Protein backbone atom coordinates (compact mmCIF):
# COMPACT_ATOMS: atom_id res chain seq x y z
CA MET A 1 -30.11 -2.17 -16.55
CA LEU A 2 -27.73 -4.06 -18.86
CA ARG A 3 -25.40 -6.77 -17.57
CA VAL A 4 -22.49 -7.67 -19.56
CA ARG A 5 -20.49 -10.48 -18.68
CA LEU A 6 -16.68 -10.72 -19.58
CA LEU A 7 -15.39 -13.77 -17.09
CA GLY A 8 -16.18 -17.06 -18.97
CA GLU A 9 -18.69 -16.63 -22.27
CA LEU A 10 -19.58 -13.15 -23.60
CA ARG A 11 -23.61 -12.55 -22.62
CA VAL A 12 -25.71 -9.84 -22.30
CA GLU A 13 -28.53 -9.71 -19.75
CA ARG A 14 -31.19 -7.20 -19.15
CA ASP A 15 -32.98 -8.29 -15.83
CA GLY A 16 -31.42 -11.40 -15.60
CA ALA A 17 -32.47 -12.62 -19.15
CA ASP A 18 -30.22 -13.24 -22.27
CA VAL A 19 -30.40 -10.81 -24.62
CA PRO A 20 -29.53 -11.96 -28.27
CA LEU A 21 -26.36 -10.45 -29.77
CA PRO A 22 -25.50 -10.63 -33.73
CA ALA A 23 -22.38 -12.12 -34.06
CA SER A 24 -21.05 -9.30 -35.70
CA ALA A 25 -21.04 -6.76 -32.61
CA ALA A 26 -19.64 -9.26 -30.17
CA ARG A 27 -16.05 -8.27 -30.35
CA ALA A 28 -16.95 -4.56 -30.62
CA LEU A 29 -19.30 -5.10 -27.46
CA ALA A 30 -16.50 -7.06 -25.13
CA PHE A 31 -13.95 -4.46 -26.15
CA LEU A 32 -16.20 -1.30 -25.34
CA ALA A 33 -17.17 -3.20 -22.06
CA LEU A 34 -14.03 -3.52 -20.83
CA ARG A 35 -13.77 0.16 -20.08
CA LEU A 36 -17.13 2.10 -20.17
CA GLY A 37 -18.03 5.69 -21.63
CA PRO A 38 -16.92 7.14 -24.50
CA ARG A 39 -14.10 6.36 -26.31
CA ASP A 40 -12.22 7.50 -29.75
CA ARG A 41 -13.99 6.20 -32.73
CA GLU A 42 -10.27 5.56 -34.69
CA SER A 43 -8.80 4.09 -31.82
CA VAL A 44 -11.73 1.96 -31.44
CA ALA A 45 -11.83 1.20 -35.26
CA GLU A 46 -7.97 0.24 -35.47
CA ALA A 47 -8.03 -2.26 -32.23
CA LEU A 48 -10.78 -4.41 -33.07
CA TRP A 49 -9.08 -4.65 -36.67
CA PRO A 50 -5.85 -3.57 -37.05
CA ASP A 51 -4.93 -5.67 -40.69
CA ALA A 52 -7.76 -3.62 -42.25
CA ALA A 53 -7.73 -0.03 -44.37
CA ALA A 54 -8.75 2.60 -41.89
CA GLN A 55 -11.85 3.68 -44.08
CA ASN A 56 -12.87 0.03 -44.19
CA ALA A 57 -12.06 -0.41 -40.17
CA LYS A 58 -14.32 2.43 -39.64
CA ALA A 59 -17.04 0.99 -41.95
CA ASN A 60 -17.11 -2.11 -39.61
CA LEU A 61 -17.68 -0.22 -36.85
CA ARG A 62 -20.52 1.93 -37.69
CA THR A 63 -21.92 -1.64 -38.43
CA ALA A 64 -20.87 -2.63 -35.41
CA VAL A 65 -22.52 0.22 -33.39
CA TRP A 66 -25.74 -0.21 -35.10
CA ALA A 67 -26.24 -3.76 -34.88
CA LEU A 68 -25.08 -3.35 -30.88
CA ARG A 69 -28.12 -0.04 -30.24
CA LYS A 70 -30.63 -2.03 -32.33
CA ALA A 71 -29.72 -5.00 -29.70
CA LEU A 72 -29.23 -2.94 -26.59
CA GLY A 73 -31.10 -0.15 -27.11
CA GLU A 74 -29.85 3.70 -28.51
CA ASP A 75 -29.86 4.66 -24.83
CA ALA A 76 -26.92 2.36 -23.87
CA VAL A 77 -24.70 2.85 -26.64
CA LEU A 78 -22.96 6.30 -26.80
CA ALA A 79 -22.16 7.10 -30.64
CA THR A 80 -20.68 10.81 -31.73
CA ARG A 81 -18.99 11.08 -34.72
CA SER A 82 -15.56 11.27 -32.97
CA SER A 83 -16.78 8.60 -29.75
CA VAL A 84 -18.59 5.69 -29.40
CA GLY A 85 -18.78 3.43 -25.61
CA LEU A 86 -21.27 1.90 -23.33
CA CYS A 87 -23.21 3.79 -21.07
CA ALA A 88 -21.81 3.09 -17.31
CA GLU A 89 -25.11 4.31 -15.92
CA LEU A 90 -26.93 1.74 -18.02
CA VAL A 91 -24.37 -0.74 -18.57
CA GLY A 92 -22.48 -2.80 -15.70
CA THR A 93 -19.78 -5.49 -15.85
CA ASP A 94 -19.30 -8.53 -14.21
CA LEU A 95 -15.09 -7.81 -14.71
CA ALA A 96 -15.76 -4.61 -13.19
CA GLU A 97 -17.75 -5.87 -9.98
CA VAL A 98 -14.72 -8.51 -9.39
CA THR A 99 -11.87 -6.07 -9.87
CA GLY A 100 -13.87 -3.40 -7.21
CA LEU A 101 -14.16 -6.48 -4.59
CA ALA A 102 -10.47 -7.30 -5.34
CA GLY A 103 -9.32 -3.82 -4.87
CA SER A 104 -10.70 -4.06 -1.18
CA ASP A 105 -9.62 -7.35 -0.57
CA ASP A 106 -12.91 -9.11 -0.85
CA PRO A 107 -12.51 -12.98 -0.22
CA ALA A 108 -15.61 -12.93 -2.70
CA ALA A 109 -13.56 -11.77 -5.49
CA ALA A 110 -11.26 -14.78 -5.15
CA GLU A 111 -14.09 -17.14 -5.31
CA ARG A 112 -15.27 -16.28 -8.81
CA ASP A 113 -13.85 -18.27 -11.10
CA GLY A 114 -13.90 -17.67 -15.48
CA ASP A 115 -11.08 -16.19 -17.44
CA VAL A 116 -11.56 -12.65 -19.41
CA LEU A 117 -13.14 -13.60 -22.61
CA PRO A 118 -10.86 -16.40 -23.15
CA GLY A 119 -12.39 -17.27 -26.79
CA ILE A 120 -11.10 -14.18 -27.74
CA ALA A 121 -7.72 -14.19 -29.03
CA ASP A 122 -6.84 -10.10 -30.17
CA ASP A 123 -4.09 -8.61 -28.06
CA TRP A 124 -6.23 -6.50 -26.20
CA ALA A 125 -8.08 -9.36 -24.46
CA ALA A 126 -4.80 -11.09 -23.88
CA GLU A 127 -3.99 -7.88 -21.96
CA ALA A 128 -7.19 -8.01 -19.84
CA ARG A 129 -6.38 -11.39 -19.25
CA ALA A 130 -3.49 -10.76 -17.97
CA ALA A 131 -4.00 -7.77 -16.01
CA HIS A 132 -7.06 -9.56 -14.29
CA ARG A 133 -4.76 -12.76 -13.62
CA ALA A 134 -2.52 -10.44 -12.00
CA ARG A 135 -4.99 -8.69 -9.63
CA LEU A 136 -6.31 -12.19 -8.53
CA VAL A 137 -3.46 -14.02 -7.82
CA GLU A 138 -1.68 -10.56 -5.87
CA LEU A 139 -5.52 -11.06 -3.87
CA LEU A 140 -4.74 -14.39 -3.09
CA ASP A 141 -1.29 -13.97 -1.80
CA ARG A 142 -2.75 -11.82 0.48
CA LEU A 143 -5.21 -14.08 1.56
CA ALA A 144 -3.10 -16.83 2.26
CA GLU A 145 -0.49 -14.46 4.14
CA ARG A 146 -3.42 -12.82 6.40
CA ALA A 147 -4.54 -16.76 6.85
CA ASP A 148 -1.25 -17.57 8.30
CA ALA A 149 -0.78 -14.67 10.40
CA ALA A 150 -4.11 -15.59 11.60
CA ALA A 151 -3.12 -19.01 12.58
CA GLU A 152 -5.22 -20.23 10.42
CA PRO A 153 -3.75 -23.37 8.37
CA THR A 154 -7.07 -24.71 6.34
CA ASP A 155 -7.94 -20.96 4.90
CA ALA A 156 -4.22 -20.70 4.19
CA VAL A 157 -4.14 -23.77 1.53
CA ARG A 158 -7.26 -23.07 -0.01
CA TRP A 159 -6.16 -19.75 -0.71
CA SER A 160 -3.00 -21.54 -1.82
CA ARG A 161 -4.46 -23.85 -3.79
CA ARG A 162 -6.97 -21.38 -5.49
CA ARG A 163 -3.16 -19.71 -6.25
CA CYS A 164 -1.28 -22.41 -7.71
CA ALA A 165 -4.32 -23.51 -9.64
CA ARG A 166 -4.06 -19.79 -11.60
CA THR A 167 -0.34 -19.92 -11.96
CA PRO A 168 0.27 -24.08 -12.56
CA LEU A 169 4.30 -23.40 -13.28
CA ASP A 170 4.84 -21.18 -10.55
CA GLU A 171 7.48 -22.12 -8.23
CA PRO A 172 7.47 -20.28 -5.01
CA ALA A 173 3.81 -20.19 -5.21
CA HIS A 174 3.92 -24.19 -5.07
CA ARG A 175 6.83 -24.09 -2.38
CA ALA A 176 4.34 -21.91 -0.33
CA LEU A 177 1.68 -24.86 -0.99
CA LEU A 178 4.21 -27.33 0.43
CA ARG A 179 4.84 -25.50 3.23
CA ARG A 180 1.15 -24.70 4.16
CA LEU A 181 0.33 -28.23 4.11
CA LEU A 182 2.69 -29.01 6.34
CA THR A 183 1.78 -26.74 8.62
CA ALA A 184 -1.90 -28.01 8.57
CA GLY A 185 -0.52 -31.61 8.92
CA ASP A 186 -1.36 -32.79 5.53
CA ARG A 187 2.12 -34.32 4.92
CA ALA A 188 0.10 -36.94 2.48
CA GLY A 189 -1.02 -33.71 0.67
CA ALA A 190 2.01 -32.11 0.59
CA VAL A 191 3.48 -35.42 -0.94
CA LEU A 192 0.74 -35.70 -3.33
CA ALA A 193 1.01 -31.66 -4.19
CA ALA A 194 4.60 -32.24 -5.09
CA GLN A 195 4.56 -35.02 -7.02
CA GLU A 196 1.76 -33.27 -9.32
CA PHE A 197 3.99 -30.29 -9.50
CA THR A 198 7.21 -32.09 -10.54
CA ALA A 199 5.47 -34.03 -13.19
CA ARG A 200 4.18 -31.02 -14.54
CA LEU A 201 7.15 -29.12 -14.95
CA ARG A 202 8.85 -32.01 -16.46
CA GLY A 203 5.85 -32.95 -18.70
CA GLU A 204 5.51 -29.08 -19.90
CA LEU A 205 8.40 -27.63 -19.69
CA GLY A 206 10.81 -30.59 -19.44
CA VAL A 207 12.64 -29.20 -16.46
CA ALA A 208 13.27 -30.36 -12.84
CA PRO A 209 12.07 -27.99 -9.84
CA GLY A 210 14.67 -25.73 -9.18
CA PRO A 211 17.14 -25.79 -5.60
CA ALA A 212 15.07 -23.78 -3.30
CA THR A 213 12.39 -26.37 -4.17
CA ARG A 214 14.05 -29.17 -3.84
CA ALA A 215 15.04 -28.21 -0.03
CA VAL A 216 11.36 -28.26 0.59
CA LEU A 217 11.12 -31.50 -1.33
CA ALA A 218 13.81 -33.11 0.72
CA GLU A 219 11.53 -32.33 3.72
CA LEU A 220 8.70 -34.28 2.28
CA ARG A 221 11.15 -37.26 2.55
CA PRO A 222 10.70 -40.47 4.89
CA VAL A 223 13.43 -40.73 7.64
CA GLY A 224 12.68 -43.95 8.85
CA PRO A 225 10.07 -45.20 10.99
CA GLU A 226 9.09 -43.03 14.37
CA PRO A 227 8.66 -44.70 17.76
CA VAL A 228 5.20 -45.80 18.22
CA GLY A 229 3.47 -43.34 20.46
CA GLU A 230 6.03 -40.43 20.09
CA PRO A 231 5.98 -37.78 17.73
CA PRO A 232 8.57 -36.94 14.91
CA HIS A 233 12.10 -35.72 15.81
CA PRO A 234 13.41 -35.24 12.20
CA LEU A 235 16.86 -33.47 13.63
CA ASP A 236 17.74 -35.96 16.41
CA GLY A 237 21.13 -36.33 16.89
CA ARG A 238 21.79 -32.85 15.24
CA ALA A 239 21.35 -30.50 18.21
CA ALA A 240 24.69 -29.72 18.52
CA GLU A 241 25.10 -28.95 14.20
CA LEU A 242 21.85 -26.95 14.41
CA ALA A 243 23.10 -24.76 17.33
CA ALA A 244 26.39 -24.28 15.61
CA LEU A 245 24.60 -22.95 12.69
CA THR A 246 22.25 -20.91 14.69
CA GLY A 247 25.31 -19.21 16.19
CA ALA A 248 26.55 -18.11 13.19
CA TRP A 249 23.26 -16.78 12.10
CA SER A 250 22.90 -14.98 15.00
CA ALA A 251 26.53 -13.63 14.68
CA ALA A 252 25.68 -12.68 11.28
CA ARG A 253 22.26 -10.94 11.99
CA THR A 254 24.80 -8.55 14.30
CA GLY A 255 27.06 -7.68 11.31
CA ALA A 256 29.45 -10.20 11.45
CA GLY A 257 29.59 -12.09 8.15
CA GLN A 258 29.48 -15.86 8.28
CA VAL A 259 30.54 -18.94 6.17
CA ALA A 260 29.03 -22.14 7.29
CA VAL A 261 30.08 -25.40 5.70
CA VAL A 262 27.97 -28.67 6.05
CA THR A 263 29.90 -31.97 4.75
CA GLY A 264 29.14 -35.57 5.31
CA GLU A 265 27.79 -38.44 3.21
CA ALA A 266 24.59 -38.58 1.67
CA GLY A 267 21.21 -39.07 3.33
CA ILE A 268 22.43 -38.25 6.86
CA GLY A 269 19.99 -34.92 6.96
CA LYS A 270 22.11 -32.28 5.70
CA THR A 271 19.40 -30.98 3.65
CA ARG A 272 17.02 -30.81 6.14
CA LEU A 273 19.77 -29.50 8.52
CA VAL A 274 19.95 -26.04 6.38
CA ALA A 275 16.08 -26.23 5.73
CA GLU A 276 15.54 -25.91 9.13
CA LEU A 277 17.81 -23.20 9.92
CA ALA A 278 16.32 -21.47 6.67
CA ARG A 279 13.19 -21.81 8.47
CA ARG A 280 14.27 -20.16 11.18
CA ALA A 281 15.94 -17.55 9.44
CA ASP A 282 13.16 -17.09 7.53
CA ASN A 283 10.81 -16.44 10.62
CA ALA A 284 13.07 -13.89 12.09
CA GLY A 285 12.71 -11.89 9.22
CA ALA A 286 15.82 -12.85 7.10
CA ARG A 287 16.13 -12.56 3.34
CA VAL A 288 16.57 -16.54 2.10
CA ALA A 289 17.86 -17.86 -1.02
CA VAL A 290 18.59 -21.40 -1.87
CA GLY A 291 21.18 -22.49 -5.13
CA ALA A 292 22.68 -25.85 -5.49
CA GLY A 293 25.57 -27.38 -7.50
CA ILE A 294 23.75 -30.31 -8.90
CA ASP A 295 26.46 -33.00 -10.72
CA ILE A 296 24.95 -33.04 -14.29
CA GLY A 297 26.77 -32.44 -17.14
CA GLY A 298 26.25 -29.50 -19.01
CA GLU A 299 25.53 -26.79 -16.26
CA ALA A 300 26.38 -23.44 -16.75
CA PRO A 301 29.18 -22.01 -14.49
CA LEU A 302 28.23 -20.00 -11.52
CA ALA A 303 24.65 -21.83 -11.66
CA ALA A 304 24.24 -22.27 -7.90
CA TRP A 305 25.22 -18.32 -7.47
CA LEU A 306 22.92 -17.31 -10.40
CA GLU A 307 20.07 -18.81 -8.68
CA LEU A 308 20.89 -17.44 -5.86
CA ALA A 309 20.77 -14.17 -6.95
CA GLY A 310 17.65 -14.42 -8.90
CA GLU A 311 16.04 -15.50 -5.66
CA LEU A 312 17.10 -12.36 -4.14
CA THR A 313 16.37 -10.21 -6.52
CA ARG A 314 12.57 -10.90 -5.75
CA THR A 315 13.14 -9.67 -2.52
CA VAL A 316 15.10 -6.78 -2.36
CA PRO A 317 13.97 -3.34 -2.79
CA ARG A 318 15.07 -1.44 -5.98
CA PRO A 319 18.77 0.32 -6.08
CA PRO A 320 18.84 3.74 -6.93
CA PRO A 321 19.65 4.51 -10.46
CA GLY A 322 23.07 5.41 -9.83
CA ALA A 323 24.36 2.07 -8.51
CA VAL A 324 26.88 0.16 -10.72
CA TRP A 325 26.60 -3.64 -9.13
CA PRO A 326 23.10 -4.49 -10.72
CA ARG A 327 24.73 -4.17 -14.30
CA GLU A 328 27.61 -6.00 -12.69
CA LEU A 329 25.11 -8.61 -11.88
CA GLY A 330 23.82 -8.89 -15.59
CA ARG A 331 27.30 -10.44 -16.42
CA LEU A 332 25.71 -13.48 -14.98
CA ALA A 333 22.30 -12.94 -16.71
CA PRO A 334 20.52 -10.01 -18.11
CA ASP A 335 17.35 -11.21 -16.17
CA LEU A 336 19.17 -9.90 -12.90
CA ALA A 337 20.08 -6.42 -14.27
CA ALA A 338 16.36 -5.85 -15.57
CA ALA A 339 14.56 -7.14 -12.55
CA LEU A 340 16.50 -4.57 -10.55
CA GLY A 341 15.44 -1.73 -13.05
CA GLN A 342 18.62 -1.08 -14.62
CA PRO A 343 18.47 -3.36 -17.89
CA GLY A 344 21.18 -2.92 -20.58
CA PRO A 345 24.98 -4.37 -20.80
CA PRO A 346 27.24 -3.53 -17.86
CA ALA A 347 30.41 -1.76 -18.50
CA PRO A 348 33.77 -3.32 -20.03
CA GLY A 349 35.38 -5.46 -17.33
CA LEU A 350 38.80 -5.60 -17.02
CA ASP A 351 38.71 -9.04 -19.48
CA GLU A 352 36.81 -7.21 -22.26
CA TRP A 353 39.53 -4.71 -21.90
CA LEU A 354 42.62 -6.88 -22.24
CA ALA A 355 40.78 -8.65 -24.80
CA ALA A 356 40.25 -5.88 -27.06
CA ALA A 357 43.64 -4.73 -26.27
CA GLY A 358 44.95 -7.68 -27.16
CA VAL A 359 42.86 -8.12 -30.91
CA ALA A 360 44.50 -4.44 -31.12
CA GLU A 361 48.06 -5.23 -30.40
CA LEU A 362 47.84 -8.04 -32.89
CA ALA A 363 46.30 -5.60 -35.51
CA ARG A 364 49.23 -2.96 -34.62
CA ARG A 365 51.53 -5.85 -35.09
CA TYR A 366 50.12 -7.52 -38.36
CA THR A 367 49.63 -3.91 -39.81
CA SER A 368 53.88 -3.12 -39.20
CA LYS A 369 54.54 -6.60 -40.54
CA ALA A 370 52.78 -6.37 -43.93
CA ARG A 371 54.32 -2.32 -44.53
CA GLY A 372 57.84 -4.17 -43.59
CA LEU A 373 57.11 -6.75 -46.47
CA ARG A 374 55.82 -4.50 -49.00
CA GLN A 375 58.95 -2.02 -48.54
CA GLY A 376 61.15 -4.88 -48.92
CA ARG A 377 59.16 -5.88 -52.19
CA ARG A 378 60.18 -2.07 -53.46
CA ARG A 379 63.64 -2.78 -52.48
CA THR A 380 64.08 -5.80 -54.51
C-alpha cells in the first residue's frame, strides 16, 4: 500500500518508508493524488502545463507517467491512451483521510496540521488548499459551538483559537474567541488576544476593527477598582436603563417595532449597556448587528447602515429570486446584493430618472436653440 502525503511536504511512503520520487514527476503525482482514479489525459496535461502547446504538454505528461510508474510500480499508476491516474485500491492520501474525518465531525481532523501542497503555486493546488481550509474552518466552528452548548468553555476556547489561526484576519471569528475567553474567565487572555488582533489588522491591512468588534473590545476595558471580596458589577447603577431597553426588546419581539436612543457623556458605560442588551437578544435567538458612525474625516455616507446591513446579510436566508429589495441594497454596496444571491445593478431610482430626464431636456433645448441660430443666419 502506497501513501501520498499532501499536507505539508509532498512525500510518498510504502510501509512507512519513504519512496524516492523523481523531481520531474512531483507535480504530476500531486495533481493525480488530489483525486484518485482515472482522469482524461488531455485535461491532465492542460492543467499541469497550461502555457505549453498541446503536443508539448502531452509529451511532458508521457515522461512524467513513465517516471511515476518506475518509482511507484506499474500497478499503482493507471495509464491508457485516453486516461491516466492513480489506482485507488493501492494508493491512499492523508488529505482523503482528514476529509473523511471532517465529514463525520471527528475532532481528530481539526488536530491535523499542514496545508495542502504549500510549495505548489498552480491554480489547481490553490483551489485544493482553499477547499481544505474551508472544510476545517467549518469543522472548527461546529466543534466550538458544540462545546459552547455543552458548557465546556475550555474546549470552546481551544477550537476557537485553532479557527482564528487558520483565518487570522477574520473579525467574526476573533469576536467569538474573545467572548469565549471571557466566558472561560480568562479576561487577561482576552485582552491579549484583542491587542494582537488589532495590531495584526493595522499592520497587514492598515484598518481598525469594525464596530461589532469594537463593541466587544469595550467590554474588556477596565471600569475602575472593584470592592475587595465582591464580584464585579459592570452595569451597577444602570438597572433602570437596562430594564427600559429590555422592555423595548420584549415589545419588538411581539411585532411592535421599537427605536431606543442611549445618550450621555463619554465614558459612562453606554457601549457596555448596549452590548449587554445585544448579548441578551442574541441569547434569545435574535439577529443582532452593530454599526457605528465614527467622527473620522472621509467616512462614506450611511456607513453605519452599510455595516448593519453587511452584518445581517450573513445571517438571513437568501430571498426568493423575484425579491426587489436585495438589488436596492446594492445601491449601498454591490457586495450586499451579491451576498443575497442577486448581483447586478439595481433598477434606476427616481434620482437617476430625474438626472436622465434633465440631461434629455438640456439636449432638447440646446438642439432647439442651435436650430434657431442656423435659421437666423440663413435669413441674414
